[in-house]
Amino acid sequence: MWRSFLFLIIFIGAALYFYFLYFQEKNYESWKAEEYNAQNEQESEKQITESVPLFQVNLSSEILEQGDSILIQIESGEIIEKVSGKLGINKISFLKSEDNNWIGIIGVDTKQSPGKYNLVINFPDKEFRKEITVIKRNFPVTELIITEELEERGYTPSNIEENIKTKENPSMYEIFGIYTPTAYFDKPFSSPLERVEIIGAYGNIRKTGDIELQHLGVDLDAKENTPVYVINNGKVRFTEDLVNYGKTIIVDHGLGIFSVYLHLNKFQVSVGDIVERGDIIALSGNTGYSIAPHLHFSVKFNNITSKTSVDPIRFIETTKKF
């Protein structure tokens, strides 16, 4: 009887021991499974975070001709307090949109040497780099025409060149030297006329004898007293009647961008006026060195380190990609 009782005690003890070992193993497997799942979830979250960039830089083009402009749009998943940049040595200014994204635009000068240029955009704790290619643009050579009427008014190729180089361009480039660090505008740029027909191409080289003058704007067909519209919000910086350029208006749009309107018949604004896109600022004319009524229209950039002339029609088309 005593032996049977002892055997029962040993049997129950052994059963309890193996039962304990079995559940210990099960708990360990369950714990390892939970740990594995947690690690997988963390790794998955890490991969998702790494695969979503903090910002995205969109460029209107990576290959530009002389006189082209490039639009830079920065979309971010977080608020970026400050953005700056350069294309080559030229500074790029940016404006912040209502949705906390950033927009920058810069021009490639008509005389910019073809080649590769580094686009660098600086963020508070990171940097974006891209190589931009500038290619040569073929500008046609045309005749510098002096009509009999212009001769009677005293215009000659030599005094046109002299006036432009020593008087008119220096006075205008003083204005282009102004840099307004904020933008007056928050929309794409628009056309200066209701109907746009180019009668004088951008960049063509007007030549007679040894004298060459490059046309750093476009001539648009416009009968006398056609309304001329400002292409975007800005501040009127210059209204003068010049010998060659005739009645001239320069509007500062901020961020170093200027629009220029020549050969006008009548001013509708004064220096210091704040204008909005589409306002009538002048009536077109035939003043200065002009063969027939038209509007000469230009866009200039003050890039801090240099002044840039760009094709104004291509500039407007580029900004429509806002």
C-alpha atoms as a PDB file:
ATOM      1  CA  MET A   1       0.000   0.000   0.000  1.00  0.00           C
ATOM      2  CA  TRP A   2       2.770   2.374   0.973  1.00  0.00           C
ATOM      3  CA  ARG A   3       4.685   1.547  -2.251  1.00  0.00           C
ATOM      4  CA  SER A   4       1.612   2.222  -4.383  1.00  0.00           C
ATOM      5  CA  PHE A   5       1.140   5.608  -2.739  1.00  0.00           C
ATOM      6  CA  LEU A   6       4.811   6.525  -3.349  1.00  0.00           C
ATOM      7  CA  PHE A   7       4.545   5.499  -6.992  1.00  0.00           C
ATOM      8  CA  LEU A   8       1.443   7.718  -7.402  1.00  0.00           C
ATOM      9  CA  ILE A   9       3.269  10.691  -5.902  1.00  0.00           C
ATOM     10  CA  ILE A  10       6.237  10.205  -8.286  1.00  0.00           C
ATOM     11  CA  PHE A  11       3.887   9.869 -11.289  1.00  0.00           C
ATOM     12  CA  ILE A  12       1.987  13.071 -10.449  1.00  0.00           C
ATOM     13  CA  GLY A  13       5.270  14.978  -9.913  1.00  0.00           C
ATOM     14  CA  ALA A  14       6.625  13.848 -13.256  1.00  0.00           C
ATOM     15  CA  ALA A  15       3.375  14.783 -15.005  1.00  0.00           C
ATOM     16  CA  LEU A  16       3.441  18.247 -13.463  1.00  0.00           C
ATOM     17  CA  TYR A  17       7.105  18.731 -14.474  1.00  0.00           C
ATOM     18  CA  PHE A  18       6.479  17.842 -18.153  1.00  0.00           C
ATOM     19  CA  TYR A  19       3.306  19.963 -18.168  1.00  0.00           C
ATOM     20  CA  PHE A  20       5.341  22.949 -16.902  1.00  0.00           C
ATOM     21  CA  LEU A  21       8.035  22.420 -19.566  1.00  0.00           C
ATOM     22  CA  TYR A  22       5.386  22.208 -22.310  1.00  0.00           C
ATOM     23  CA  PHE A  23       3.771  25.531 -21.434  1.00  0.00           C
ATOM     24  CA  GLN A  24       7.131  27.232 -20.974  1.00  0.00           C
ATOM     25  CA  GLU A  25       8.019  26.260 -24.553  1.00  0.00           C
ATOM     26  CA  LYS A  26       4.630  27.488 -25.830  1.00  0.00           C
ATOM     27  CA  ASN A  27       5.004  30.844 -24.061  1.00  0.00           C
ATOM     28  CA  TYR A  28       8.512  31.242 -25.462  1.00  0.00           C
ATOM     29  CA  GLU A  29       7.282  30.545 -29.018  1.00  0.00           C
ATOM     30  CA  SER A  30       4.424  33.026 -28.543  1.00  0.00           C
ATOM     31  CA  TRP A  31       6.818  35.687 -27.234  1.00  0.00           C
ATOM     32  CA  LYS A  32       9.230  35.134 -30.152  1.00  0.00           C
ATOM     33  CA  ALA A  33       6.344  35.396 -32.614  1.00  0.00           C
ATOM     34  CA  GLU A  34       5.200  38.691 -31.092  1.00  0.00           C
ATOM     35  CA  GLU A  35       8.785  39.998 -31.142  1.00  0.00           C
ATOM     36  CA  TYR A  36       9.169  38.949 -34.791  1.00  0.00           C
ATOM     37  CA  ASN A  37       5.897  40.658 -35.762  1.00  0.00           C
ATOM     38  CA  ALA A  38       6.897  43.859 -33.916  1.00  0.00           C
ATOM     39  CA  GLN A  39      10.274  43.900 -35.680  1.00  0.00           C
ATOM     40  CA  ASN A  40       8.551  43.391 -39.048  1.00  0.00           C
ATOM     41  CA  GLU A  41       6.150  46.254 -38.357  1.00  0.00           C
ATOM     42  CA  GLN A  42       9.021  48.559 -37.365  1.00  0.00           C
ATOM     43  CA  GLU A  43      11.020  47.544 -40.448  1.00  0.00           C
ATOM     44  CA  SER A  44       7.971  48.121 -42.651  1.00  0.00           C
ATOM     45  CA  GLU A  45       7.399  51.564 -41.142  1.00  0.00           C
ATOM     46  CA  LYS A  46      11.083  52.343 -41.651  1.00  0.00           C
ATOM     47  CA  GLN A  47      10.940  51.284 -45.317  1.00  0.00           C
ATOM     48  CA  ILE A  48       7.816  53.383 -45.917  1.00  0.00           C
ATOM     49  CA  THR A  49       9.442  56.408 -44.270  1.00  0.00           C
ATOM     50  CA  GLU A  50      12.616  55.974 -46.309  1.00  0.00           C
ATOM     51  CA  SER A  51      10.726  55.514 -49.574  1.00  0.00           C
ATOM     52  CA  VAL A  52       8.778  58.800 -49.183  1.00  0.00           C
ATOM     53  CA  PRO A  53      11.124  61.772 -49.863  1.00  0.00           C
ATOM     54  CA  LEU A  54      10.831  64.833 -47.646  1.00  0.00           C
ATOM     55  CA  PHE A  55      10.743  67.039 -50.736  1.00  0.00           C
ATOM     56  CA  GLN A  56      10.413  66.744 -54.507  1.00  0.00           C
ATOM     57  CA  VAL A  57      12.049  69.145 -56.972  1.00  0.00           C
ATOM     58  CA  ASN A  58      10.324  69.552 -60.347  1.00  0.00           C
ATOM     59  CA  LEU A  59      12.096  71.366 -63.193  1.00  0.00           C
ATOM     60  CA  SER A  60      10.430  72.776 -66.313  1.00  0.00           C
ATOM     61  CA  SER A  61      13.453  71.578 -68.313  1.00  0.00           C
ATOM     62  CA  GLU A  62      17.003  70.291 -67.883  1.00  0.00           C
ATOM     63  CA  ILE A  63      18.147  71.416 -71.359  1.00  0.00           C
ATOM     64  CA  LEU A  64      17.923  75.135 -72.120  1.00  0.00           C
ATOM     65  CA  GLU A  65      18.764  77.327 -75.075  1.00  0.00           C
ATOM     66  CA  GLN A  66      20.376  80.727 -74.674  1.00  0.00           C
ATOM     67  CA  GLY A  67      17.620  83.149 -73.624  1.00  0.00           C
ATOM     68  CA  ASP A  68      15.425  80.454 -72.043  1.00  0.00           C
ATOM     69  CA  SER A  69      14.030  80.425 -68.494  1.00  0.00           C
ATOM     70  CA  ILE A  70      13.709  77.549 -66.036  1.00  0.00           C
ATOM     71  CA  LEU A  71      10.921  77.111 -63.495  1.00  0.00           C
ATOM     72  CA  ILE A  72      11.682  75.223 -60.274  1.00  0.00           C
ATOM     73  CA  GLN A  73       8.848  73.861 -58.134  1.00  0.00           C
ATOM     74  CA  ILE A  74       9.545  72.297 -54.746  1.00  0.00           C
ATOM     75  CA  GLU A  75       6.871  70.130 -53.159  1.00  0.00           C
ATOM     76  CA  SER A  76       7.422  69.091 -49.552  1.00  0.00           C
ATOM     77  CA  GLY A  77       5.794  66.776 -47.060  1.00  0.00           C
ATOM     78  CA  GLU A  78       6.933  69.068 -44.274  1.00  0.00           C
ATOM     79  CA  ILE A  79       7.175  72.827 -43.752  1.00  0.00           C
ATOM     80  CA  ILE A  80      10.438  74.233 -45.139  1.00  0.00           C
ATOM     81  CA  GLU A  81      11.283  77.596 -43.628  1.00  0.00           C
ATOM     82  CA  LYS A  82      13.940  78.704 -46.112  1.00  0.00           C
ATOM     83  CA  VAL A  83      15.118  77.801 -49.620  1.00  0.00           C
ATOM     84  CA  SER A  84      17.938  79.325 -51.663  1.00  0.00           C
ATOM     85  CA  GLY A  85      19.797  78.304 -54.767  1.00  0.00           C
ATOM     86  CA  LYS A  86      22.118  79.017 -57.666  1.00  0.00           C
ATOM     87  CA  LEU A  87      22.418  78.118 -61.323  1.00  0.00           C
ATOM     88  CA  GLY A  88      26.097  78.409 -62.040  1.00  0.00           C
ATOM     89  CA  ILE A  89      27.046  81.662 -60.286  1.00  0.00           C
ATOM     90  CA  ASN A  90      23.597  83.232 -60.602  1.00  0.00           C
ATOM     91  CA  LYS A  91      21.377  83.429 -57.543  1.00  0.00           C
ATOM     92  CA  ILE A  92      17.860  81.968 -57.671  1.00  0.00           C
ATOM     93  CA  SER A  93      15.154  83.606 -55.571  1.00  0.00           C
ATOM     94  CA  PHE A  94      12.152  81.623 -54.386  1.00  0.00           C
ATOM     95  CA  LEU A  95       8.625  82.512 -53.358  1.00  0.00           C
ATOM     96  CA  LYS A  96       6.535  80.471 -50.947  1.00  0.00           C
ATOM     97  CA  SER A  97       3.081  79.401 -52.128  1.00  0.00           C
ATOM     98  CA  GLU A  98      -0.044  79.201 -50.003  1.00  0.00           C
ATOM     99  CA  ASP A  99       0.318  75.404 -49.730  1.00  0.00           C
ATOM    100  CA  ASN A 100       3.841  75.774 -48.251  1.00  0.00           C
ATOM    101  CA  ASN A 101       5.578  74.738 -51.477  1.00  0.00           C
ATOM    102  CA  TRP A 102       8.307  76.867 -53.083  1.00  0.00           C
ATOM    103  CA  ILE A 103       8.653  78.262 -56.616  1.00  0.00           C
ATOM    104  CA  GLY A 104      11.755  79.734 -58.239  1.00  0.00           C
ATOM    105  CA  ILE A 105      12.488  81.010 -61.736  1.00  0.00           C
ATOM    106  CA  ILE A 106      15.723  82.060 -63.365  1.00  0.00           C
ATOM    107  CA  GLY A 107      16.812  82.957 -66.876  1.00  0.00           C
ATOM    108  CA  VAL A 108      19.765  81.929 -69.021  1.00  0.00           C
ATOM    109  CA  ASP A 109      21.310  85.004 -70.614  1.00  0.00           C
ATOM    110  CA  THR A 110      21.348  85.396 -74.382  1.00  0.00           C
ATOM    111  CA  LYS A 111      25.150  85.456 -74.309  1.00  0.00           C
ATOM    112  CA  GLN A 112      25.563  82.596 -71.806  1.00  0.00           C
ATOM    113  CA  SER A 113      28.272  80.195 -72.970  1.00  0.00           C
ATOM    114  CA  PRO A 114      26.920  76.763 -73.950  1.00  0.00           C
ATOM    115  CA  GLY A 115      27.875  73.993 -71.552  1.00  0.00           C
ATOM    116  CA  LYS A 116      27.018  72.206 -68.302  1.00  0.00           C
ATOM    117  CA  TYR A 117      25.998  74.212 -65.215  1.00  0.00           C
ATOM    118  CA  ASN A 118      25.296  73.044 -61.678  1.00  0.00           C
ATOM    119  CA  LEU A 119      21.858  73.775 -60.289  1.00  0.00           C
ATOM    120  CA  VAL A 120      22.156  73.785 -56.489  1.00  0.00           C
ATOM    121  CA  ILE A 121      19.169  74.219 -54.162  1.00  0.00           C
ATOM    122  CA  ASN A 122      19.865  74.633 -50.449  1.00  0.00           C
ATOM    123  CA  PHE A 123      17.469  73.579 -47.707  1.00  0.00           C
ATOM    124  CA  PRO A 124      18.064  74.095 -43.960  1.00  0.00           C
ATOM    125  CA  ASP A 125      19.649  70.640 -43.530  1.00  0.00           C
ATOM    126  CA  LYS A 126      20.048  69.202 -47.022  1.00  0.00           C
ATOM    127  CA  GLU A 127      21.032  70.032 -50.598  1.00  0.00           C
ATOM    128  CA  PHE A 128      19.694  69.208 -54.069  1.00  0.00           C
ATOM    129  CA  ARG A 129      21.991  69.133 -57.108  1.00  0.00           C
ATOM    130  CA  LYS A 130      21.253  68.747 -60.798  1.00  0.00           C
ATOM    131  CA  GLU A 131      23.276  69.340 -63.950  1.00  0.00           C
ATOM    132  CA  ILE A 132      21.630  71.731 -66.414  1.00  0.00           C
ATOM    133  CA  THR A 133      22.711  71.868 -70.062  1.00  0.00           C
ATOM    134  CA  VAL A 134      22.757  75.161 -71.976  1.00  0.00           C
ATOM    135  CA  ILE A 135      22.898  74.849 -75.755  1.00  0.00           C
ATOM    136  CA  LYS A 136      23.612  77.424 -78.434  1.00  0.00           C
ATOM    137  CA  ARG A 137      20.679  79.232 -80.044  1.00  0.00           C
ATOM    138  CA  ASN A 138      21.036  80.445 -83.599  1.00  0.00           C
ATOM    139  CA  PHE A 139      20.105  84.112 -83.828  1.00  0.00           C
ATOM    140  CA  PRO A 140      19.462  85.419 -87.341  1.00  0.00           C
ATOM    141  CA  VAL A 141      21.372  88.418 -88.704  1.00  0.00           C
ATOM    142  CA  THR A 142      19.192  91.154 -90.198  1.00  0.00           C
ATOM    143  CA  GLU A 143      19.791  94.628 -91.572  1.00  0.00           C
ATOM    144  CA  LEU A 144      19.804  97.658 -89.302  1.00  0.00           C
ATOM    145  CA  ILE A 145      17.354  99.786 -91.293  1.00  0.00           C
ATOM    146  CA  ILE A 146      17.356 103.578 -91.320  1.00  0.00           C
ATOM    147  CA  THR A 147      14.425 104.999 -93.276  1.00  0.00           C
ATOM    148  CA  GLU A 148      14.463 108.440 -94.914  1.00  0.00           C
ATOM    149  CA  GLU A 149      12.144 109.717 -92.216  1.00  0.00           C
ATOM    150  CA  LEU A 150      14.514 108.495 -89.503  1.00  0.00           C
ATOM    151  CA  GLU A 151      17.477 110.089 -91.307  1.00  0.00           C
ATOM    152  CA  GLU A 152      15.608 113.385 -91.413  1.00  0.00           C
ATOM    153  CA  ARG A 153      15.098 113.100 -87.642  1.00  0.00           C
ATOM    154  CA  GLY A 154      18.869 112.683 -87.218  1.00  0.00           C
ATOM    155  CA  TYR A 155      19.173 108.930 -86.713  1.00  0.00           C
ATOM    156  CA  THR A 156      22.314 107.221 -88.013  1.00  0.00           C
ATOM    157  CA  PRO A 157      23.706 103.759 -87.182  1.00  0.00           C
ATOM    158  CA  SER A 158      26.615 105.287 -85.276  1.00  0.00           C
ATOM    159  CA  ASN A 159      24.597 107.665 -83.100  1.00  0.00           C
ATOM    160  CA  ILE A 160      22.000 104.943 -82.384  1.00  0.00           C
ATOM    161  CA  GLU A 161      24.799 102.695 -81.118  1.00  0.00           C
ATOM    162  CA  GLU A 162      26.409 105.553 -79.165  1.00  0.00           C
ATOM    163  CA  ASN A 163      23.163 106.578 -77.475  1.00  0.00           C
ATOM    164  CA  ILE A 164      22.298 103.017 -76.486  1.00  0.00           C
ATOM    165  CA  LYS A 165      25.728 102.227 -75.062  1.00  0.00           C
ATOM    166  CA  THR A 166      26.506 105.490 -73.284  1.00  0.00           C
ATOM    167  CA  LYS A 167      23.130 106.935 -72.269  1.00  0.00           C
ATOM    168  CA  GLU A 168      20.040 104.778 -72.508  1.00  0.00           C
ATOM    169  CA  ASN A 169      21.284 101.357 -71.399  1.00  0.00           C
ATOM    170  CA  PRO A 170      23.222 102.781 -68.401  1.00  0.00           C
ATOM    171  CA  SER A 171      20.138 104.660 -67.145  1.00  0.00           C
ATOM    172  CA  MET A 172      17.969 101.562 -67.535  1.00  0.00           C
ATOM    173  CA  TYR A 173      20.544  99.242 -65.977  1.00  0.00           C
ATOM    174  CA  GLU A 174      20.506 101.404 -62.860  1.00  0.00           C
ATOM    175  CA  ILE A 175      16.884 100.309 -62.497  1.00  0.00           C
ATOM    176  CA  PHE A 176      17.754  96.673 -63.223  1.00  0.00           C
ATOM    177  CA  GLY A 177      20.267  96.944 -60.364  1.00  0.00           C
ATOM    178  CA  ILE A 178      17.394  97.266 -57.887  1.00  0.00           C
ATOM    179  CA  TYR A 179      16.670  94.010 -56.077  1.00  0.00           C
ATOM    180  CA  THR A 180      13.325  93.518 -54.343  1.00  0.00           C
ATOM    181  CA  PRO A 181      13.658  90.340 -52.212  1.00  0.00           C
ATOM    182  CA  THR A 182       9.931  89.584 -52.176  1.00  0.00           C
ATOM    183  CA  ALA A 183       7.559  88.890 -55.062  1.00  0.00           C
ATOM    184  CA  TYR A 184       4.734  91.268 -55.953  1.00  0.00           C
ATOM    185  CA  PHE A 185       3.172  88.420 -57.922  1.00  0.00           C
ATOM    186  CA  ASP A 186       1.687  85.033 -57.033  1.00  0.00           C
ATOM    187  CA  LYS A 187       0.371  83.931 -60.435  1.00  0.00           C
ATOM    188  CA  PRO A 188       1.861  83.141 -63.878  1.00  0.00           C
ATOM    189  CA  PHE A 189       2.797  86.036 -66.162  1.00  0.00           C
ATOM    190  CA  SER A 190       0.474  87.053 -68.997  1.00  0.00           C
ATOM    191  CA  SER A 191       0.811  88.729 -72.417  1.00  0.00           C
ATOM    192  CA  PRO A 192       1.186  92.510 -72.794  1.00  0.00           C
ATOM    193  CA  LEU A 193      -1.271  92.675 -75.709  1.00  0.00           C
ATOM    194  CA  GLU A 194      -4.654  91.164 -76.493  1.00  0.00           C
ATOM    195  CA  ARG A 195      -3.223  89.748 -79.727  1.00  0.00           C
ATOM    196  CA  VAL A 196       0.392  88.634 -79.913  1.00  0.00           C
ATOM    197  CA  GLU A 197       2.067  88.601 -83.319  1.00  0.00           C
ATOM    198  CA  ILE A 198       5.856  88.721 -83.433  1.00  0.00           C
ATOM    199  CA  ILE A 199       7.222  90.976 -86.154  1.00  0.00           C
ATOM    200  CA  GLY A 200      10.758  91.260 -84.751  1.00  0.00           C
ATOM    201  CA  ALA A 201      12.335  88.089 -83.355  1.00  0.00           C
ATOM    202  CA  TYR A 202      14.143  87.851 -80.053  1.00  0.00           C
ATOM    203  CA  GLY A 203      17.933  87.927 -80.196  1.00  0.00           C
ATOM    204  CA  ASN A 204      18.322  88.763 -83.879  1.00  0.00           C
ATOM    205  CA  ILE A 205      21.468  90.709 -84.713  1.00  0.00           C
ATOM    206  CA  ARG A 206      20.814  93.933 -86.593  1.00  0.00           C
ATOM    207  CA  LYS A 207      23.856  94.870 -88.592  1.00  0.00           C
ATOM    208  CA  THR A 208      25.082  97.563 -90.926  1.00  0.00           C
ATOM    209  CA  GLY A 209      28.782  97.942 -91.771  1.00  0.00           C
ATOM    210  CA  ASP A 210      30.792  97.409 -88.583  1.00  0.00           C
ATOM    211  CA  ILE A 211      27.856  98.154 -86.273  1.00  0.00           C
ATOM    212  CA  GLU A 212      25.944  95.257 -84.684  1.00  0.00           C
ATOM    213  CA  LEU A 213      23.077  95.596 -82.228  1.00  0.00           C
ATOM    214  CA  GLN A 214      21.428  92.526 -80.723  1.00  0.00           C
ATOM    215  CA  HIS A 215      17.672  92.767 -80.277  1.00  0.00           C
ATOM    216  CA  LEU A 216      17.140  91.739 -76.622  1.00  0.00           C
ATOM    217  CA  GLY A 217      13.355  91.684 -76.765  1.00  0.00           C
ATOM    218  CA  VAL A 218      10.539  90.973 -79.196  1.00  0.00           C
ATOM    219  CA  ASP A 219       8.697  93.408 -81.437  1.00  0.00           C
ATOM    220  CA  LEU A 220       4.951  92.814 -81.322  1.00  0.00           C
ATOM    221  CA  ASP A 221       2.553  94.086 -83.934  1.00  0.00           C
ATOM    222  CA  ALA A 222       0.415  96.893 -82.477  1.00  0.00           C
ATOM    223  CA  LYS A 223      -1.348  99.793 -84.114  1.00  0.00           C
ATOM    224  CA  GLU A 224      -0.832 103.169 -82.516  1.00  0.00           C
ATOM    225  CA  ASN A 225      -2.723 103.618 -79.224  1.00  0.00           C
ATOM    226  CA  THR A 226      -3.288  99.900 -78.666  1.00  0.00           C
ATOM    227  CA  PRO A 227      -3.699  99.184 -74.898  1.00  0.00           C
ATOM    228  CA  VAL A 228      -0.551  97.743 -73.324  1.00  0.00           C
ATOM    229  CA  TYR A 229      -1.090  95.522 -70.267  1.00  0.00           C
ATOM    230  CA  VAL A 230       1.369  94.908 -67.457  1.00  0.00           C
ATOM    231  CA  ILE A 231       2.281  91.213 -67.471  1.00  0.00           C
ATOM    232  CA  ASN A 232       2.036  90.743 -63.699  1.00  0.00           C
ATOM    233  CA  ASN A 233       1.744  92.571 -60.384  1.00  0.00           C
ATOM    234  CA  GLY A 234       4.577  94.966 -59.677  1.00  0.00           C
ATOM    235  CA  LYS A 235       5.863  98.463 -59.031  1.00  0.00           C
ATOM    236  CA  VAL A 236       6.545 101.021 -61.763  1.00  0.00           C
ATOM    237  CA  ARG A 237      10.225 101.998 -61.526  1.00  0.00           C
ATOM    238  CA  PHE A 238      10.842 103.977 -64.730  1.00  0.00           C
ATOM    239  CA  THR A 239       8.845 106.143 -67.151  1.00  0.00           C
ATOM    240  CA  GLU A 240      11.085 108.134 -69.488  1.00  0.00           C
ATOM    241  CA  ASP A 241      11.092 109.375 -73.074  1.00  0.00           C
ATOM    242  CA  LEU A 242      14.395 108.181 -74.550  1.00  0.00           C
ATOM    243  CA  VAL A 243      15.972 109.102 -77.887  1.00  0.00           C
ATOM    244  CA  ASN A 244      16.213 105.554 -79.293  1.00  0.00           C
ATOM    245  CA  TYR A 245      13.792 103.556 -77.155  1.00  0.00           C
ATOM    246  CA  GLY A 246      11.113 106.251 -77.182  1.00  0.00           C
ATOM    247  CA  LYS A 247       8.626 106.381 -74.326  1.00  0.00           C
ATOM    248  CA  THR A 248       9.713 103.567 -71.992  1.00  0.00           C
ATOM    249  CA  ILE A 249       8.247 101.862 -68.918  1.00  0.00           C
ATOM    250  CA  ILE A 250      10.038  99.446 -66.566  1.00  0.00           C
ATOM    251  CA  VAL A 251       8.038  97.459 -63.995  1.00  0.00           C
ATOM    252  CA  ASP A 252       9.680  95.671 -61.055  1.00  0.00           C
ATOM    253  CA  HIS A 253       7.871  92.394 -60.266  1.00  0.00           C
ATOM    254  CA  GLY A 254      10.109  91.460 -57.333  1.00  0.00           C
ATOM    255  CA  LEU A 255      12.701  88.683 -56.976  1.00  0.00           C
ATOM    256  CA  GLY A 256      14.867  90.508 -59.534  1.00  0.00           C
ATOM    257  CA  ILE A 257      12.354  90.211 -62.414  1.00  0.00           C
ATOM    258  CA  PHE A 258      11.588  93.251 -64.610  1.00  0.00           C
ATOM    259  CA  SER A 259       9.368  93.792 -67.645  1.00  0.00           C
ATOM    260  CA  VAL A 260      10.159  96.517 -70.195  1.00  0.00           C
ATOM    261  CA  TYR A 261       7.891  98.280 -72.718  1.00  0.00           C
ATOM    262  CA  LEU A 262       9.331 100.560 -75.448  1.00  0.00           C
ATOM    263  CA  HIS A 263       8.203 102.942 -78.227  1.00  0.00           C
ATOM    264  CA  LEU A 264       5.005 103.852 -76.373  1.00  0.00           C
ATOM    265  CA  ASN A 265       2.748 106.730 -77.368  1.00  0.00           C
ATOM    266  CA  LYS A 266       1.277 107.555 -73.965  1.00  0.00           C
ATOM    267  CA  PHE A 267       1.986 106.636 -70.338  1.00  0.00           C
ATOM    268  CA  GLN A 268      -0.962 105.577 -68.184  1.00  0.00           C
ATOM    269  CA  VAL A 269       1.090 105.134 -64.991  1.00  0.00           C
ATOM    270  CA  SER A 270       3.741 107.011 -63.016  1.00  0.00           C
ATOM    271  CA  VAL A 271       6.892 105.997 -61.147  1.00  0.00           C
ATOM    272  CA  GLY A 272       5.975 104.450 -57.796  1.00  0.00           C
ATOM    273  CA  ASP A 273       2.569 103.153 -58.877  1.00  0.00           C
ATOM    274  CA  ILE A 274       1.638  99.647 -57.763  1.00  0.00           C
ATOM    275  CA  VAL A 275       0.047  97.793 -60.669  1.00  0.00           C
ATOM    276  CA  GLU A 276      -1.790  94.491 -60.996  1.00  0.00           C
ATOM    277  CA  ARG A 277      -1.587  91.927 -63.776  1.00  0.00           C
ATOM    278  CA  GLY A 278      -3.681  93.048 -66.741  1.00  0.00           C
ATOM    279  CA  ASP A 279      -3.764  96.763 -65.832  1.00  0.00           C
ATOM    280  CA  ILE A 280      -3.383  99.123 -68.799  1.00  0.00           C
ATOM    281  CA  ILE A 281      -0.077 100.900 -68.251  1.00  0.00           C
ATOM    282  CA  ALA A 282       0.338 102.593 -71.652  1.00  0.00           C
ATOM    283  CA  LEU A 283      -0.813 102.990 -75.229  1.00  0.00           C
ATOM    284  CA  SER A 284       1.501 101.634 -77.913  1.00  0.00           C
ATOM    285  CA  GLY A 285       3.184 103.957 -80.358  1.00  0.00           C
ATOM    286  CA  ASN A 286       6.009 104.702 -82.773  1.00  0.00           C
ATOM    287  CA  THR A 287       8.340 106.844 -80.647  1.00  0.00           C
ATOM    288  CA  GLY A 288      12.140 106.782 -80.725  1.00  0.00           C
ATOM    289  CA  TYR A 289      14.051 104.726 -83.287  1.00  0.00           C
ATOM    290  CA  SER A 290      11.056 102.891 -84.754  1.00  0.00           C
ATOM    291  CA  ILE A 291      10.236 102.062 -88.358  1.00  0.00           C
ATOM    292  CA  ALA A 292       6.486 101.590 -87.762  1.00  0.00           C
ATOM    293  CA  PRO A 293       4.046 101.418 -84.821  1.00  0.00           C
ATOM    294  CA  HIS A 294       4.711  98.383 -82.604  1.00  0.00           C
ATOM    295  CA  LEU A 295       5.494  97.332 -79.035  1.00  0.00           C
ATOM    296  CA  HIS A 296       9.010  96.291 -78.081  1.00  0.00           C
ATOM    297  CA  PHE A 297       8.700  93.997 -75.056  1.00  0.00           C
ATOM    298  CA  SER A 298      11.546  92.658 -72.877  1.00  0.00           C
ATOM    299  CA  VAL A 299      12.132  90.723 -69.652  1.00  0.00           C
ATOM    300  CA  LYS A 300      15.261  91.151 -67.526  1.00  0.00           C
ATOM    301  CA  PHE A 301      16.612  89.413 -64.421  1.00  0.00           C
ATOM    302  CA  ASN A 302      18.785  90.838 -61.674  1.00  0.00           C
ATOM    303  CA  ASN A 303      20.553  87.699 -60.426  1.00  0.00           C
ATOM    304  CA  ILE A 304      22.640  89.713 -57.926  1.00  0.00           C
ATOM    305  CA  THR A 305      25.909  88.633 -59.582  1.00  0.00           C
ATOM    306  CA  SER A 306      24.746  89.536 -63.107  1.00  0.00           C
ATOM    307  CA  LYS A 307      21.938  90.991 -65.224  1.00  0.00           C
ATOM    308  CA  THR A 308      20.216  88.596 -67.610  1.00  0.00           C
ATOM    309  CA  SER A 309      18.170  89.171 -70.766  1.00  0.00           C
ATOM    310  CA  VAL A 310      15.712  86.416 -71.673  1.00  0.00           C
ATOM    311  CA  ASP A 311      13.226  85.689 -74.418  1.00  0.00           C
ATOM    312  CA  PRO A 312      10.042  87.276 -72.971  1.00  0.00           C
ATOM    313  CA  ILE A 313       7.595  85.072 -74.878  1.00  0.00           C
ATOM    314  CA  ARG A 314       9.330  81.880 -73.730  1.00  0.00           C
ATOM    315  CA  PHE A 315       9.511  83.335 -70.217  1.00  0.00           C
ATOM    316  CA  ILE A 316       5.726  83.813 -70.105  1.00  0.00           C
ATOM    317  CA  GLU A 317       5.138  80.298 -71.434  1.00  0.00           C
ATOM    318  CA  THR A 318       7.480  78.852 -68.791  1.00  0.00           C
ATOM    319  CA  THR A 319       5.669  80.604 -65.937  1.00  0.00           C
ATOM    320  CA  LYS A 320       2.368  79.087 -67.110  1.00  0.00           C
ATOM    321  CA  LYS A 321       3.708  75.799 -65.716  1.00  0.00           C
ATOM    322  CA  PHE A 322       3.142  77.168 -62.163  1.00  0.00           C
END
